[in-house]
Amino acid sequence: DRDLLLVMMHGFTAGATPEIGAQA
C-alpha cells in the first residue's frame, strides 16, 4: 500500500516536529 508506506516515511522524516517525532 504505497500511501501507507509513504505516510510512514513522511512521518519518520518529520521527526523534528515535536509531536510527530514523539509519536514516531
PDB file of all heavy atoms in Angstrom:
ATOM      1  N   ASP A   1       0.871  -1.175   0.000  1.00  0.00           N
ATOM      2  CA  ASP A   1       0.000   0.000   0.000  1.00  0.00           C
ATOM      3  C   ASP A   1       0.909   1.227   0.000  1.00  0.00           C
ATOM      4  O   ASP A   1       1.446   1.627   1.027  1.00  0.00           O
ATOM      5  CB  ASP A   1      -0.900  -0.019   1.234  1.00  0.00           C
ATOM      6  CG  ASP A   1      -1.819   1.187   1.329  1.00  0.00           C
ATOM      7  OD1 ASP A   1      -1.541   2.226   0.688  1.00  0.00           O
ATOM      8  OD2 ASP A   1      -2.812   1.095   2.068  1.00  0.00           O
ATOM      9  N   ARG A   2       1.101   1.814  -1.164  1.00  0.00           N
ATOM     10  CA  ARG A   2       2.058   2.911  -1.330  1.00  0.00           C
ATOM     11  C   ARG A   2       1.720   4.111  -0.456  1.00  0.00           C
ATOM     12  O   ARG A   2       2.615   4.762   0.083  1.00  0.00           O
ATOM     13  CB  ARG A   2       2.139   3.320  -2.801  1.00  0.00           C
ATOM     14  CG  ARG A   2       3.248   4.309  -3.055  1.00  0.00           C
ATOM     15  CD  ARG A   2       3.654   4.338  -4.514  1.00  0.00           C
ATOM     16  NE  ARG A   2       4.712   5.288  -4.717  1.00  0.00           N
ATOM     17  CZ  ARG A   2       5.997   5.070  -4.419  1.00  0.00           C
ATOM     18  NH1 ARG A   2       6.368   3.927  -3.913  1.00  0.00           N
ATOM     19  NH2 ARG A   2       6.902   6.002  -4.614  1.00  0.00           N
ATOM     20  N   ASP A   3       0.437   4.427  -0.308  1.00  0.00           N
ATOM     21  CA  ASP A   3       0.065   5.559   0.537  1.00  0.00           C
ATOM     22  C   ASP A   3       0.478   5.314   1.983  1.00  0.00           C
ATOM     23  O   ASP A   3       1.044   6.195   2.635  1.00  0.00           O
ATOM     24  CB  ASP A   3      -1.439   5.846   0.453  1.00  0.00           C
ATOM     25  CG  ASP A   3      -1.854   6.421  -0.889  1.00  0.00           C
ATOM     26  OD1 ASP A   3      -0.984   6.906  -1.651  1.00  0.00           O
ATOM     27  OD2 ASP A   3      -3.062   6.399  -1.190  1.00  0.00           O
ATOM     28  N   LEU A   4       0.215   4.124   2.487  1.00  0.00           N
ATOM     29  CA  LEU A   4       0.620   3.784   3.852  1.00  0.00           C
ATOM     30  C   LEU A   4       2.137   3.885   4.001  1.00  0.00           C
ATOM     31  O   LEU A   4       2.642   4.489   4.942  1.00  0.00           O
ATOM     32  CB  LEU A   4       0.127   2.380   4.203  1.00  0.00           C
ATOM     33  CG  LEU A   4       0.422   1.907   5.619  1.00  0.00           C
ATOM     34  CD1 LEU A   4      -0.744   1.084   6.145  1.00  0.00           C
ATOM     35  CD2 LEU A   4       1.692   1.093   5.692  1.00  0.00           C
ATOM     36  N   LEU A   5       2.847   3.315   3.051  1.00  0.00           N
ATOM     37  CA  LEU A   5       4.310   3.354   3.070  1.00  0.00           C
ATOM     38  C   LEU A   5       4.817   4.790   3.108  1.00  0.00           C
ATOM     39  O   LEU A   5       5.653   5.144   3.946  1.00  0.00           O
ATOM     40  CB  LEU A   5       4.873   2.639   1.841  1.00  0.00           C
ATOM     41  CG  LEU A   5       6.367   2.865   1.575  1.00  0.00           C
ATOM     42  CD1 LEU A   5       7.218   2.147   2.599  1.00  0.00           C
ATOM     43  CD2 LEU A   5       6.724   2.449   0.170  1.00  0.00           C
ATOM     44  N   LEU A   6       4.313   5.627   2.216  1.00  0.00           N
ATOM     45  CA  LEU A   6       4.818   6.996   2.130  1.00  0.00           C
ATOM     46  C   LEU A   6       4.437   7.820   3.354  1.00  0.00           C
ATOM     47  O   LEU A   6       5.229   8.655   3.802  1.00  0.00           O
ATOM     48  CB  LEU A   6       4.345   7.658   0.841  1.00  0.00           C
ATOM     49  CG  LEU A   6       4.960   7.071  -0.432  1.00  0.00           C
ATOM     50  CD1 LEU A   6       4.357   7.708  -1.673  1.00  0.00           C
ATOM     51  CD2 LEU A   6       6.475   7.207  -0.437  1.00  0.00           C
ATOM     52  N   VAL A   7       3.250   7.598   3.912  1.00  0.00           N
ATOM     53  CA  VAL A   7       2.893   8.313   5.138  1.00  0.00           C
ATOM     54  C   VAL A   7       3.857   7.932   6.258  1.00  0.00           C
ATOM     55  O   VAL A   7       4.307   8.793   7.019  1.00  0.00           O
ATOM     56  CB  VAL A   7       1.422   8.060   5.529  1.00  0.00           C
ATOM     57  CG1 VAL A   7       1.154   8.429   6.983  1.00  0.00           C
ATOM     58  CG2 VAL A   7       0.498   8.858   4.610  1.00  0.00           C
ATOM     59  N   MET A   8       4.192   6.646   6.359  1.00  0.00           N
ATOM     60  CA  MET A   8       5.179   6.243   7.368  1.00  0.00           C
ATOM     61  C   MET A   8       6.503   6.953   7.141  1.00  0.00           C
ATOM     62  O   MET A   8       7.097   7.488   8.081  1.00  0.00           O
ATOM     63  CB  MET A   8       5.404   4.728   7.344  1.00  0.00           C
ATOM     64  CG  MET A   8       4.414   3.943   8.129  1.00  0.00           C
ATOM     65  SD  MET A   8       4.958   2.253   8.495  1.00  0.00           S
ATOM     66  CE  MET A   8       5.737   1.689   7.016  1.00  0.00           C
ATOM     67  N   MET A   9       6.968   6.959   5.914  1.00  0.00           N
ATOM     68  CA  MET A   9       8.250   7.592   5.609  1.00  0.00           C
ATOM     69  C   MET A   9       8.199   9.086   5.913  1.00  0.00           C
ATOM     70  O   MET A   9       9.129   9.629   6.510  1.00  0.00           O
ATOM     71  CB  MET A   9       8.626   7.350   4.142  1.00  0.00           C
ATOM     72  CG  MET A   9       8.837   5.878   3.799  1.00  0.00           C
ATOM     73  SD  MET A   9      10.219   5.129   4.666  1.00  0.00           S
ATOM     74  CE  MET A   9      11.576   5.872   3.785  1.00  0.00           C
ATOM     75  N   HIS A  10       7.128   9.749   5.511  1.00  0.00           N
ATOM     76  CA  HIS A  10       6.986  11.181   5.803  1.00  0.00           C
ATOM     77  C   HIS A  10       6.935  11.422   7.314  1.00  0.00           C
ATOM     78  O   HIS A  10       7.500  12.400   7.811  1.00  0.00           O
ATOM     79  CB  HIS A  10       5.735  11.760   5.139  1.00  0.00           C
ATOM     80  CG  HIS A  10       5.829  11.892   3.651  1.00  0.00           C
ATOM     81  ND1 HIS A  10       6.822  12.603   3.012  1.00  0.00           N
ATOM     82  CD2 HIS A  10       5.026  11.410   2.662  1.00  0.00           C
ATOM     83  CE1 HIS A  10       6.633  12.549   1.703  1.00  0.00           C
ATOM     84  NE2 HIS A  10       5.560  11.834   1.465  1.00  0.00           N
ATOM     85  N   GLY A  11       6.263  10.542   8.022  1.00  0.00           N
ATOM     86  CA  GLY A  11       6.192  10.690   9.474  1.00  0.00           C
ATOM     87  C   GLY A  11       7.541  10.563  10.139  1.00  0.00           C
ATOM     88  O   GLY A  11       7.894  11.347  11.023  1.00  0.00           O
ATOM     89  N   PHE A  12       8.330   9.593   9.700  1.00  0.00           N
ATOM     90  CA  PHE A  12       9.664   9.432  10.279  1.00  0.00           C
ATOM     91  C   PHE A  12      10.558  10.624   9.949  1.00  0.00           C
ATOM     92  O   PHE A  12      11.364  11.047  10.773  1.00  0.00           O
ATOM     93  CB  PHE A  12      10.315   8.132   9.818  1.00  0.00           C
ATOM     94  CG  PHE A  12       9.655   6.900  10.376  1.00  0.00           C
ATOM     95  CD1 PHE A  12       9.428   5.800   9.566  1.00  0.00           C
ATOM     96  CD2 PHE A  12       9.257   6.827  11.697  1.00  0.00           C
ATOM     97  CE1 PHE A  12       8.828   4.648  10.067  1.00  0.00           C
ATOM     98  CE2 PHE A  12       8.647   5.682  12.214  1.00  0.00           C
ATOM     99  CZ  PHE A  12       8.433   4.603  11.390  1.00  0.00           C
ATOM    100  N   THR A  13      10.412  11.179   8.744  1.00  0.00           N
ATOM    101  CA  THR A  13      11.261  12.313   8.382  1.00  0.00           C
ATOM    102  C   THR A  13      10.772  13.625   8.980  1.00  0.00           C
ATOM    103  O   THR A  13      11.519  14.602   8.990  1.00  0.00           O
ATOM    104  CB  THR A  13      11.394  12.469   6.850  1.00  0.00           C
ATOM    105  OG1 THR A  13      10.107  12.722   6.278  1.00  0.00           O
ATOM    106  CG2 THR A  13      12.021  11.235   6.235  1.00  0.00           C
ATOM    107  N   ALA A  14       9.554  13.655   9.493  1.00  0.00           N
ATOM    108  CA  ALA A  14       9.040  14.854  10.169  1.00  0.00           C
ATOM    109  C   ALA A  14       9.330  14.799  11.664  1.00  0.00           C
ATOM    110  O   ALA A  14       8.700  15.493  12.454  1.00  0.00           O
ATOM    111  CB  ALA A  14       7.536  14.995   9.914  1.00  0.00           C
ATOM    112  N   GLY A  15      10.293  13.997  12.042  1.00  0.00           N
ATOM    113  CA  GLY A  15      10.624  13.788  13.446  1.00  0.00           C
ATOM    114  C   GLY A  15      11.055  15.028  14.201  1.00  0.00           C
ATOM    115  O   GLY A  15      11.011  15.056  15.427  1.00  0.00           O
ATOM    116  N   ALA A  16      11.459  16.083  13.489  1.00  0.00           N
ATOM    117  CA  ALA A  16      11.848  17.320  14.170  1.00  0.00           C
ATOM    118  C   ALA A  16      10.627  18.104  14.660  1.00  0.00           C
ATOM    119  O   ALA A  16      10.762  18.975  15.511  1.00  0.00           O
ATOM    120  CB  ALA A  16      12.686  18.197  13.249  1.00  0.00           C
ATOM    121  N   THR A  17       9.454  17.788  14.127  1.00  0.00           N
ATOM    122  CA  THR A  17       8.228  18.390  14.639  1.00  0.00           C
ATOM    123  C   THR A  17       7.922  17.657  15.937  1.00  0.00           C
ATOM    124  O   THR A  17       7.711  16.437  15.923  1.00  0.00           O
ATOM    125  CB  THR A  17       7.071  18.229  13.628  1.00  0.00           C
ATOM    126  OG1 THR A  17       7.466  18.831  12.396  1.00  0.00           O
ATOM    127  CG2 THR A  17       5.786  18.850  14.142  1.00  0.00           C
ATOM    128  N   PRO A  18       7.938  18.354  17.078  1.00  0.00           N
ATOM    129  CA  PRO A  18       7.912  17.664  18.379  1.00  0.00           C
ATOM    130  C   PRO A  18       6.835  16.587  18.529  1.00  0.00           C
ATOM    131  O   PRO A  18       7.147  15.459  18.925  1.00  0.00           O
ATOM    132  CB  PRO A  18       7.715  18.803  19.378  1.00  0.00           C
ATOM    133  CG  PRO A  18       8.330  19.983  18.703  1.00  0.00           C
ATOM    134  CD  PRO A  18       8.018  19.810  17.235  1.00  0.00           C
ATOM    135  N   GLU A  19       5.585  16.896  18.226  1.00  0.00           N
ATOM    136  CA  GLU A  19       4.536  15.906  18.455  1.00  0.00           C
ATOM    137  C   GLU A  19       4.621  14.729  17.486  1.00  0.00           C
ATOM    138  O   GLU A  19       4.292  13.606  17.837  1.00  0.00           O
ATOM    139  CB  GLU A  19       3.149  16.550  18.424  1.00  0.00           C
ATOM    140  CG  GLU A  19       2.774  17.241  17.128  1.00  0.00           C
ATOM    141  CD  GLU A  19       3.135  18.721  17.067  1.00  0.00           C
ATOM    142  OE1 GLU A  19       4.169  19.137  17.636  1.00  0.00           O
ATOM    143  OE2 GLU A  19       2.377  19.462  16.436  1.00  0.00           O
ATOM    144  N   ILE A  20       5.105  14.965  16.276  1.00  0.00           N
ATOM    145  CA  ILE A  20       5.252  13.873  15.311  1.00  0.00           C
ATOM    146  C   ILE A  20       6.484  13.043  15.661  1.00  0.00           C
ATOM    147  O   ILE A  20       6.447  11.806  15.601  1.00  0.00           O
ATOM    148  CB  ILE A  20       5.316  14.418  13.873  1.00  0.00           C
ATOM    149  CG1 ILE A  20       3.982  15.103  13.523  1.00  0.00           C
ATOM    150  CG2 ILE A  20       5.621  13.296  12.880  1.00  0.00           C
ATOM    151  CD1 ILE A  20       4.001  15.872  12.232  1.00  0.00           C
ATOM    152  N   GLY A  21       7.557  13.698  16.044  1.00  0.00           N
ATOM    153  CA  GLY A  21       8.759  12.972  16.452  1.00  0.00           C
ATOM    154  C   GLY A  21       8.501  12.066  17.640  1.00  0.00           C
ATOM    155  O   GLY A  21       8.937  10.910  17.663  1.00  0.00           O
ATOM    156  N   ALA A  22       7.766  12.582  18.620  1.00  0.00           N
ATOM    157  CA  ALA A  22       7.436  11.768  19.801  1.00  0.00           C
ATOM    158  C   ALA A  22       6.608  10.552  19.392  1.00  0.00           C
ATOM    159  O   ALA A  22       6.824   9.444  19.882  1.00  0.00           O
ATOM    160  CB  ALA A  22       6.693  12.610  20.831  1.00  0.00           C
ATOM    161  N   GLN A  23       5.669  10.766  18.479  1.00  0.00           N
ATOM    162  CA  GLN A  23       4.826   9.670  18.005  1.00  0.00           C
ATOM    163  C   GLN A  23       5.667   8.632  17.256  1.00  0.00           C
ATOM    164  O   GLN A  23       5.493   7.422  17.450  1.00  0.00           O
ATOM    165  CB  GLN A  23       3.728  10.225  17.100  1.00  0.00           C
ATOM    166  CG  GLN A  23       2.772   9.198  16.556  1.00  0.00           C
ATOM    167  CD  GLN A  23       1.724   9.818  15.645  1.00  0.00           C
ATOM    168  OE1 GLN A  23       1.837  10.969  15.221  1.00  0.00           O
ATOM    169  NE2 GLN A  23       0.695   9.056  15.358  1.00  0.00           N
ATOM    170  N   ALA A  24       6.570   9.088  16.403  1.00  0.00           N
ATOM    171  CA  ALA A  24       7.421   8.173  15.637  1.00  0.00           C
ATOM    172  C   ALA A  24       8.307   7.347  16.566  1.00  0.00           C
ATOM    173  O   ALA A  24       8.438   6.129  16.401  1.00  0.00           O
ATOM    174  CB  ALA A  24       8.267   8.955  14.638  1.00  0.00           C
TER     175      ALA A  24
END
